[in-house]
Amino acid sequence: MVNLAIVVLLSYIIGSIPTAIIFSKWRHGFDIRTQGSGNAGGTNVFRVLGWKSGLFVMAVDLAKGLIATSVISRLFWDPTLPFYNHTPFDDLTIIQMICGGAAIIGHVWTVFAGFKGGKGIATAAGMLLGIAPTEFIVSVLVFLIFFFAFHYVSLGSIMASIAFPLTLIIRYNILSDEIHSYKTLVFFSLGIAVFLLYSHRENIKRLIQGSEKKITSLKGKTEAAQSTADSKE
């Protein structure tokens, strides 16, 4: 149980690193939380600072989930931990899930920024990449399809979070693919999807109301900012 406490704490700390805040202060001299939506996540960086900065922050946030899932879990995994599954692989999968979940919680409620962080999508993506790369790839494709079709990062993220457990279910139950630890993975991924939907609850409200901001330029302008700029020309 000591090892379990260690991996959870380390994963939470890794997830808590406020990438967007550090990057915006280091490269641009301001706190990203004072601009755009006020969120300390990659999407807001994308909106305010452009696609290159946004992708960099998202990549680092993704790496946090991947490190927690694929590195911390394996370095400190103790096969005597109190989980009773059929194989050691199942035990390791559970530890990976716990580490990844702790990293997501750290990203959303970071101890380094008053427990107010990002939405957790990129960090969750890193965790899922470490556990189920096939489903991760499908989710990325779903995100890209919805983003380029509708220009809402939030909508793409929401649909990608739903696509992950749905892909697992389709592969196992319809396509009859062999998936190790399927029952563990599917319930966990459903839980992650519900959590990410909850963290995007304000975005969902704005999408329904039609007030969610679109990304209309890869340089980082939202629909509203683009309209303002056009009006000045």
C-alpha atoms as a PDB file:
ATOM      1  CA  MET A   1       0.000   0.000   0.000  1.00  0.00           C
ATOM      2  CA  VAL A   2       2.991   2.316   0.510  1.00  0.00           C
ATOM      3  CA  ASN A   3       3.914   1.827  -3.142  1.00  0.00           C
ATOM      4  CA  LEU A   4       0.349   2.587  -4.172  1.00  0.00           C
ATOM      5  CA  ALA A   5       0.436   5.858  -2.226  1.00  0.00           C
ATOM      6  CA  ILE A   6       3.760   6.748  -3.862  1.00  0.00           C
ATOM      7  CA  VAL A   7       2.569   6.199  -7.433  1.00  0.00           C
ATOM      8  CA  VAL A   8      -0.654   8.105  -6.833  1.00  0.00           C
ATOM      9  CA  LEU A   9       1.189  11.060  -5.306  1.00  0.00           C
ATOM     10  CA  LEU A  10       3.851  11.148  -8.033  1.00  0.00           C
ATOM     11  CA  SER A  11       1.235  10.890 -10.771  1.00  0.00           C
ATOM     12  CA  TYR A  12      -0.810  13.676  -9.213  1.00  0.00           C
ATOM     13  CA  ILE A  13       2.269  15.928  -8.998  1.00  0.00           C
ATOM     14  CA  ILE A  14       3.199  15.208 -12.629  1.00  0.00           C
ATOM     15  CA  GLY A  15      -0.354  15.975 -13.701  1.00  0.00           C
ATOM     16  CA  SER A  16      -0.397  19.153 -11.618  1.00  0.00           C
ATOM     17  CA  ILE A  17       2.416  20.826 -13.557  1.00  0.00           C
ATOM     18  CA  PRO A  18       0.548  23.862 -14.997  1.00  0.00           C
ATOM     19  CA  THR A  19       2.005  23.759 -18.496  1.00  0.00           C
ATOM     20  CA  ALA A  20      -0.179  26.481 -19.996  1.00  0.00           C
ATOM     21  CA  ILE A  21       0.515  28.919 -17.158  1.00  0.00           C
ATOM     22  CA  ILE A  22       4.273  28.280 -17.183  1.00  0.00           C
ATOM     23  CA  PHE A  23       4.468  28.580 -20.976  1.00  0.00           C
ATOM     24  CA  SER A  24       2.425  31.793 -21.229  1.00  0.00           C
ATOM     25  CA  LYS A  25       4.444  33.501 -18.483  1.00  0.00           C
ATOM     26  CA  TRP A  26       7.781  32.281 -19.852  1.00  0.00           C
ATOM     27  CA  ARG A  27       7.247  33.069 -23.534  1.00  0.00           C
ATOM     28  CA  HIS A  28       4.745  35.941 -23.425  1.00  0.00           C
ATOM     29  CA  GLY A  29       4.975  37.514 -19.968  1.00  0.00           C
ATOM     30  CA  PHE A  30       1.369  37.015 -18.883  1.00  0.00           C
ATOM     31  CA  ASP A  31      -0.801  34.407 -17.192  1.00  0.00           C
ATOM     32  CA  ILE A  32      -2.978  32.603 -19.768  1.00  0.00           C
ATOM     33  CA  ARG A  33      -5.800  32.637 -17.222  1.00  0.00           C
ATOM     34  CA  THR A  34      -6.146  36.408 -17.796  1.00  0.00           C
ATOM     35  CA  GLN A  35      -6.876  35.925 -21.507  1.00  0.00           C
ATOM     36  CA  GLY A  36      -9.465  34.149 -23.630  1.00  0.00           C
ATOM     37  CA  SER A  37     -11.695  31.790 -21.677  1.00  0.00           C
ATOM     38  CA  GLY A  38      -9.521  32.088 -18.561  1.00  0.00           C
ATOM     39  CA  ASN A  39      -8.865  28.350 -18.586  1.00  0.00           C
ATOM     40  CA  ALA A  40      -5.350  27.055 -17.910  1.00  0.00           C
ATOM     41  CA  GLY A  41      -5.389  24.501 -20.713  1.00  0.00           C
ATOM     42  CA  GLY A  42      -4.093  23.877 -24.188  1.00  0.00           C
ATOM     43  CA  THR A  43      -7.329  24.910 -25.909  1.00  0.00           C
ATOM     44  CA  ASN A  44      -7.154  28.407 -24.448  1.00  0.00           C
ATOM     45  CA  VAL A  45      -3.491  28.645 -25.439  1.00  0.00           C
ATOM     46  CA  PHE A  46      -4.505  27.605 -28.946  1.00  0.00           C
ATOM     47  CA  ARG A  47      -7.144  30.343 -29.048  1.00  0.00           C
ATOM     48  CA  VAL A  48      -4.970  33.108 -27.621  1.00  0.00           C
ATOM     49  CA  LEU A  49      -1.428  32.308 -28.745  1.00  0.00           C
ATOM     50  CA  GLY A  50      -1.938  30.285 -31.920  1.00  0.00           C
ATOM     51  CA  TRP A  51      -1.705  26.696 -33.049  1.00  0.00           C
ATOM     52  CA  LYS A  52       2.045  26.217 -32.524  1.00  0.00           C
ATOM     53  CA  SER A  53       1.873  27.249 -28.869  1.00  0.00           C
ATOM     54  CA  GLY A  54      -1.366  25.328 -28.412  1.00  0.00           C
ATOM     55  CA  LEU A  55       0.043  22.117 -29.844  1.00  0.00           C
ATOM     56  CA  PHE A  56       3.188  22.439 -27.718  1.00  0.00           C
ATOM     57  CA  VAL A  57       1.184  22.831 -24.503  1.00  0.00           C
ATOM     58  CA  MET A  58      -1.173  20.014 -25.475  1.00  0.00           C
ATOM     59  CA  ALA A  59       1.779  17.735 -26.270  1.00  0.00           C
ATOM     60  CA  VAL A  60       3.343  18.385 -22.861  1.00  0.00           C
ATOM     61  CA  ASP A  61       0.008  17.818 -21.124  1.00  0.00           C
ATOM     62  CA  LEU A  62      -0.410  14.591 -23.090  1.00  0.00           C
ATOM     63  CA  ALA A  63       3.089  13.539 -22.001  1.00  0.00           C
ATOM     64  CA  LYS A  64       2.062  13.988 -18.359  1.00  0.00           C
ATOM     65  CA  GLY A  65      -0.637  11.348 -18.714  1.00  0.00           C
ATOM     66  CA  LEU A  66       1.646   9.055 -20.692  1.00  0.00           C
ATOM     67  CA  ILE A  67       4.493   9.327 -18.155  1.00  0.00           C
ATOM     68  CA  ALA A  68       2.143   8.598 -15.259  1.00  0.00           C
ATOM     69  CA  THR A  69       0.623   5.614 -17.059  1.00  0.00           C
ATOM     70  CA  SER A  70       3.648   4.065 -18.764  1.00  0.00           C
ATOM     71  CA  VAL A  71       6.609   5.119 -16.620  1.00  0.00           C
ATOM     72  CA  ILE A  72       5.584   5.785 -13.034  1.00  0.00           C
ATOM     73  CA  SER A  73       3.216   2.817 -12.931  1.00  0.00           C
ATOM     74  CA  ARG A  74       5.924   0.417 -14.177  1.00  0.00           C
ATOM     75  CA  LEU A  75       8.787   1.784 -12.090  1.00  0.00           C
ATOM     76  CA  PHE A  76       6.872   1.482  -8.862  1.00  0.00           C
ATOM     77  CA  TRP A  77       4.480  -1.349  -9.621  1.00  0.00           C
ATOM     78  CA  ASP A  78       4.407  -3.922  -6.855  1.00  0.00           C
ATOM     79  CA  PRO A  79       2.852  -7.289  -7.847  1.00  0.00           C
ATOM     80  CA  THR A  80       1.816  -7.828  -4.228  1.00  0.00           C
ATOM     81  CA  LEU A  81      -0.641  -4.937  -4.339  1.00  0.00           C
ATOM     82  CA  PRO A  82      -4.088  -6.015  -3.130  1.00  0.00           C
ATOM     83  CA  PHE A  83      -5.804  -6.595  -6.454  1.00  0.00           C
ATOM     84  CA  TYR A  84      -7.124 -10.031  -7.304  1.00  0.00           C
ATOM     85  CA  ASN A  85      -7.316 -10.481 -11.062  1.00  0.00           C
ATOM     86  CA  HIS A  86      -6.582 -13.394 -13.345  1.00  0.00           C
ATOM     87  CA  THR A  87      -3.175 -12.260 -14.579  1.00  0.00           C
ATOM     88  CA  PRO A  88      -0.399  -9.821 -13.599  1.00  0.00           C
ATOM     89  CA  PHE A  89      -1.282  -7.884 -16.770  1.00  0.00           C
ATOM     90  CA  ASP A  90      -4.681  -7.086 -15.275  1.00  0.00           C
ATOM     91  CA  ASP A  91      -3.015  -5.922 -12.054  1.00  0.00           C
ATOM     92  CA  LEU A  92      -0.660  -3.621 -13.981  1.00  0.00           C
ATOM     93  CA  THR A  93      -3.562  -2.271 -16.026  1.00  0.00           C
ATOM     94  CA  ILE A  94      -5.326  -1.244 -12.829  1.00  0.00           C
ATOM     95  CA  ILE A  95      -2.179   0.487 -11.550  1.00  0.00           C
ATOM     96  CA  GLN A  96      -1.855   2.289 -14.899  1.00  0.00           C
ATOM     97  CA  MET A  97      -5.459   3.450 -14.611  1.00  0.00           C
ATOM     98  CA  ILE A  98      -4.939   4.680 -11.075  1.00  0.00           C
ATOM     99  CA  CYS A  99      -1.789   6.587 -12.084  1.00  0.00           C
ATOM    100  CA  GLY A 100      -3.450   8.055 -15.167  1.00  0.00           C
ATOM    101  CA  GLY A 101      -6.524   9.057 -13.174  1.00  0.00           C
ATOM    102  CA  ALA A 102      -4.347  10.764 -10.564  1.00  0.00           C
ATOM    103  CA  ALA A 103      -2.550  12.710 -13.320  1.00  0.00           C
ATOM    104  CA  ILE A 104      -5.882  13.861 -14.781  1.00  0.00           C
ATOM    105  CA  ILE A 105      -7.091  14.987 -11.362  1.00  0.00           C
ATOM    106  CA  GLY A 106      -3.795  16.835 -10.908  1.00  0.00           C
ATOM    107  CA  HIS A 107      -4.241  18.617 -14.233  1.00  0.00           C
ATOM    108  CA  VAL A 108      -7.831  19.666 -13.490  1.00  0.00           C
ATOM    109  CA  TRP A 109      -7.197  20.535  -9.833  1.00  0.00           C
ATOM    110  CA  THR A 110      -3.541  21.507  -9.773  1.00  0.00           C
ATOM    111  CA  VAL A 111      -1.943  22.147  -6.411  1.00  0.00           C
ATOM    112  CA  PHE A 112       0.416  24.640  -8.074  1.00  0.00           C
ATOM    113  CA  ALA A 113      -2.311  27.024  -9.252  1.00  0.00           C
ATOM    114  CA  GLY A 114      -4.974  27.193  -6.564  1.00  0.00           C
ATOM    115  CA  PHE A 115      -6.549  23.870  -7.631  1.00  0.00           C
ATOM    116  CA  LYS A 116      -7.806  25.449 -10.883  1.00  0.00           C
ATOM    117  CA  GLY A 117      -6.321  23.867 -13.988  1.00  0.00           C
ATOM    118  CA  GLY A 118      -7.400  22.724 -17.440  1.00  0.00           C
ATOM    119  CA  LYS A 119     -10.146  20.400 -18.619  1.00  0.00           C
ATOM    120  CA  GLY A 120      -7.989  17.250 -18.618  1.00  0.00           C
ATOM    121  CA  ILE A 121      -8.484  16.133 -22.226  1.00  0.00           C
ATOM    122  CA  ALA A 122      -4.806  16.113 -23.285  1.00  0.00           C
ATOM    123  CA  THR A 123      -3.658  14.411 -20.071  1.00  0.00           C
ATOM    124  CA  ALA A 124      -6.436  11.840 -20.441  1.00  0.00           C
ATOM    125  CA  ALA A 125      -5.320  11.283 -24.032  1.00  0.00           C
ATOM    126  CA  GLY A 126      -1.802  10.518 -22.805  1.00  0.00           C
ATOM    127  CA  MET A 127      -3.144   8.043 -20.285  1.00  0.00           C
ATOM    128  CA  LEU A 128      -5.288   6.324 -22.912  1.00  0.00           C
ATOM    129  CA  LEU A 129      -2.370   6.209 -25.353  1.00  0.00           C
ATOM    130  CA  GLY A 130      -0.368   4.286 -22.740  1.00  0.00           C
ATOM    131  CA  ILE A 131      -3.177   1.813 -22.044  1.00  0.00           C
ATOM    132  CA  ALA A 132      -5.029   1.326 -25.346  1.00  0.00           C
ATOM    133  CA  PRO A 133      -3.264   2.878 -28.371  1.00  0.00           C
ATOM    134  CA  THR A 134      -5.788   1.581 -30.946  1.00  0.00           C
ATOM    135  CA  GLU A 135      -8.711   3.276 -29.232  1.00  0.00           C
ATOM    136  CA  PHE A 136      -6.549   6.376 -28.743  1.00  0.00           C
ATOM    137  CA  ILE A 137      -5.935   6.647 -32.499  1.00  0.00           C
ATOM    138  CA  VAL A 138      -9.654   6.317 -33.233  1.00  0.00           C
ATOM    139  CA  SER A 139     -10.431   9.025 -30.667  1.00  0.00           C
ATOM    140  CA  VAL A 140      -7.866  11.365 -32.235  1.00  0.00           C
ATOM    141  CA  LEU A 141      -9.445  10.827 -35.654  1.00  0.00           C
ATOM    142  CA  VAL A 142     -12.897  11.558 -34.197  1.00  0.00           C
ATOM    143  CA  PHE A 143     -11.549  14.754 -32.615  1.00  0.00           C
ATOM    144  CA  LEU A 144     -10.041  15.918 -35.914  1.00  0.00           C
ATOM    145  CA  ILE A 145     -13.218  15.155 -37.862  1.00  0.00           C
ATOM    146  CA  PHE A 146     -15.444  17.152 -35.511  1.00  0.00           C
ATOM    147  CA  PHE A 147     -12.939  19.978 -35.092  1.00  0.00           C
ATOM    148  CA  PHE A 148     -12.412  20.565 -38.802  1.00  0.00           C
ATOM    149  CA  ALA A 149     -16.118  20.096 -39.535  1.00  0.00           C
ATOM    150  CA  PHE A 150     -17.456  22.472 -36.868  1.00  0.00           C
ATOM    151  CA  HIS A 151     -14.373  24.413 -35.616  1.00  0.00           C
ATOM    152  CA  TYR A 152     -15.143  23.750 -31.944  1.00  0.00           C
ATOM    153  CA  VAL A 153     -12.242  22.303 -29.941  1.00  0.00           C
ATOM    154  CA  SER A 154     -14.608  21.509 -27.081  1.00  0.00           C
ATOM    155  CA  LEU A 155     -16.992  19.561 -29.338  1.00  0.00           C
ATOM    156  CA  GLY A 156     -14.099  17.570 -30.780  1.00  0.00           C
ATOM    157  CA  SER A 157     -12.842  16.800 -27.282  1.00  0.00           C
ATOM    158  CA  ILE A 158     -16.273  15.742 -26.052  1.00  0.00           C
ATOM    159  CA  MET A 159     -16.856  13.435 -29.013  1.00  0.00           C
ATOM    160  CA  ALA A 160     -13.347  11.954 -28.686  1.00  0.00           C
ATOM    161  CA  SER A 161     -13.966  11.137 -25.019  1.00  0.00           C
ATOM    162  CA  ILE A 162     -17.163   9.319 -25.987  1.00  0.00           C
ATOM    163  CA  ALA A 163     -15.461   7.554 -28.903  1.00  0.00           C
ATOM    164  CA  PHE A 164     -12.908   5.798 -26.696  1.00  0.00           C
ATOM    165  CA  PRO A 165     -15.234   3.518 -24.681  1.00  0.00           C
ATOM    166  CA  LEU A 166     -17.513   3.145 -27.726  1.00  0.00           C
ATOM    167  CA  THR A 167     -14.576   1.855 -29.791  1.00  0.00           C
ATOM    168  CA  LEU A 168     -13.726  -0.654 -27.065  1.00  0.00           C
ATOM    169  CA  ILE A 169     -17.314  -1.894 -26.966  1.00  0.00           C
ATOM    170  CA  ILE A 170     -17.562  -2.211 -30.764  1.00  0.00           C
ATOM    171  CA  ARG A 171     -14.204  -3.978 -31.120  1.00  0.00           C
ATOM    172  CA  TYR A 172     -14.912  -6.514 -28.389  1.00  0.00           C
ATOM    173  CA  ASN A 173     -18.635  -7.182 -28.797  1.00  0.00           C
ATOM    174  CA  ILE A 174     -19.216  -6.671 -32.521  1.00  0.00           C
ATOM    175  CA  LEU A 175     -15.848  -7.260 -34.196  1.00  0.00           C
ATOM    176  CA  SER A 176     -14.896  -9.987 -31.674  1.00  0.00           C
ATOM    177  CA  ASP A 177     -11.371  -8.600 -31.202  1.00  0.00           C
ATOM    178  CA  GLU A 178      -9.378  -9.952 -28.278  1.00  0.00           C
ATOM    179  CA  ILE A 179      -8.764  -7.112 -25.803  1.00  0.00           C
ATOM    180  CA  HIS A 180      -6.789  -7.829 -22.647  1.00  0.00           C
ATOM    181  CA  SER A 181      -8.498  -6.598 -19.472  1.00  0.00           C
ATOM    182  CA  TYR A 182     -11.544  -5.568 -21.503  1.00  0.00           C
ATOM    183  CA  LYS A 183     -13.997  -5.507 -18.601  1.00  0.00           C
ATOM    184  CA  THR A 184     -11.631  -3.408 -16.513  1.00  0.00           C
ATOM    185  CA  LEU A 185     -10.863  -1.064 -19.404  1.00  0.00           C
ATOM    186  CA  VAL A 186     -14.428  -0.491 -20.558  1.00  0.00           C
ATOM    187  CA  PHE A 187     -15.778   0.494 -17.143  1.00  0.00           C
ATOM    188  CA  PHE A 188     -12.781   2.706 -16.471  1.00  0.00           C
ATOM    189  CA  SER A 189     -13.026   4.404 -19.866  1.00  0.00           C
ATOM    190  CA  LEU A 190     -16.744   5.030 -19.321  1.00  0.00           C
ATOM    191  CA  GLY A 191     -15.872   6.650 -16.006  1.00  0.00           C
ATOM    192  CA  ILE A 192     -13.233   8.839 -17.671  1.00  0.00           C
ATOM    193  CA  ALA A 193     -15.717   9.848 -20.373  1.00  0.00           C
ATOM    194  CA  VAL A 194     -18.271  10.887 -17.740  1.00  0.00           C
ATOM    195  CA  PHE A 195     -15.589  12.831 -15.854  1.00  0.00           C
ATOM    196  CA  LEU A 196     -14.478  14.678 -19.006  1.00  0.00           C
ATOM    197  CA  LEU A 197     -18.075  15.476 -19.897  1.00  0.00           C
ATOM    198  CA  TYR A 198     -18.454  16.929 -16.412  1.00  0.00           C
ATOM    199  CA  SER A 199     -15.291  19.025 -16.793  1.00  0.00           C
ATOM    200  CA  HIS A 200     -16.741  20.356 -20.079  1.00  0.00           C
ATOM    201  CA  ARG A 201     -20.187  21.072 -18.646  1.00  0.00           C
ATOM    202  CA  GLU A 202     -19.898  24.838 -19.271  1.00  0.00           C
ATOM    203  CA  ASN A 203     -18.760  24.207 -22.837  1.00  0.00           C
ATOM    204  CA  ILE A 204     -21.748  21.911 -23.367  1.00  0.00           C
ATOM    205  CA  LYS A 205     -24.091  24.656 -22.132  1.00  0.00           C
ATOM    206  CA  ARG A 206     -22.514  27.163 -24.520  1.00  0.00           C
ATOM    207  CA  LEU A 207     -22.702  24.701 -27.417  1.00  0.00           C
ATOM    208  CA  ILE A 208     -26.428  24.204 -26.771  1.00  0.00           C
ATOM    209  CA  GLN A 209     -26.956  27.973 -26.472  1.00  0.00           C
ATOM    210  CA  GLY A 210     -24.872  28.655 -29.577  1.00  0.00           C
ATOM    211  CA  SER A 211     -22.434  30.897 -27.701  1.00  0.00           C
ATOM    212  CA  GLU A 212     -19.366  28.639 -27.727  1.00  0.00           C
ATOM    213  CA  LYS A 213     -16.428  30.306 -29.523  1.00  0.00           C
ATOM    214  CA  LYS A 214     -15.169  28.734 -32.718  1.00  0.00           C
ATOM    215  CA  ILE A 215     -11.555  28.502 -33.808  1.00  0.00           C
ATOM    216  CA  THR A 216     -11.657  30.191 -37.201  1.00  0.00           C
ATOM    217  CA  SER A 217      -7.931  30.650 -37.684  1.00  0.00           C
ATOM    218  CA  LEU A 218      -4.908  28.490 -36.892  1.00  0.00           C
ATOM    219  CA  LYS A 219      -3.229  31.701 -35.766  1.00  0.00           C
ATOM    220  CA  GLY A 220      -5.440  31.548 -32.706  1.00  0.00           C
ATOM    221  CA  LYS A 221      -8.356  33.880 -33.363  1.00  0.00           C
ATOM    222  CA  THR A 222     -11.765  32.860 -32.141  1.00  0.00           C
ATOM    223  CA  GLU A 223     -14.890  33.646 -34.112  1.00  0.00           C
ATOM    224  CA  ALA A 224     -15.544  36.685 -31.898  1.00  0.00           C
ATOM    225  CA  ALA A 225     -11.979  37.940 -32.155  1.00  0.00           C
ATOM    226  CA  GLN A 226     -12.040  37.524 -35.935  1.00  0.00           C
ATOM    227  CA  SER A 227     -15.274  39.528 -36.145  1.00  0.00           C
ATOM    228  CA  THR A 228     -13.754  42.311 -34.051  1.00  0.00           C
ATOM    229  CA  ALA A 229     -10.670  42.394 -36.239  1.00  0.00           C
ATOM    230  CA  ASP A 230     -12.779  42.472 -39.414  1.00  0.00           C
ATOM    231  CA  SER A 231     -14.840  45.361 -38.093  1.00  0.00           C
ATOM    232  CA  LYS A 232     -11.713  47.448 -37.640  1.00  0.00           C
ATOM    233  CA  GLU A 233     -10.577  46.955 -41.220  1.00  0.00           C
END
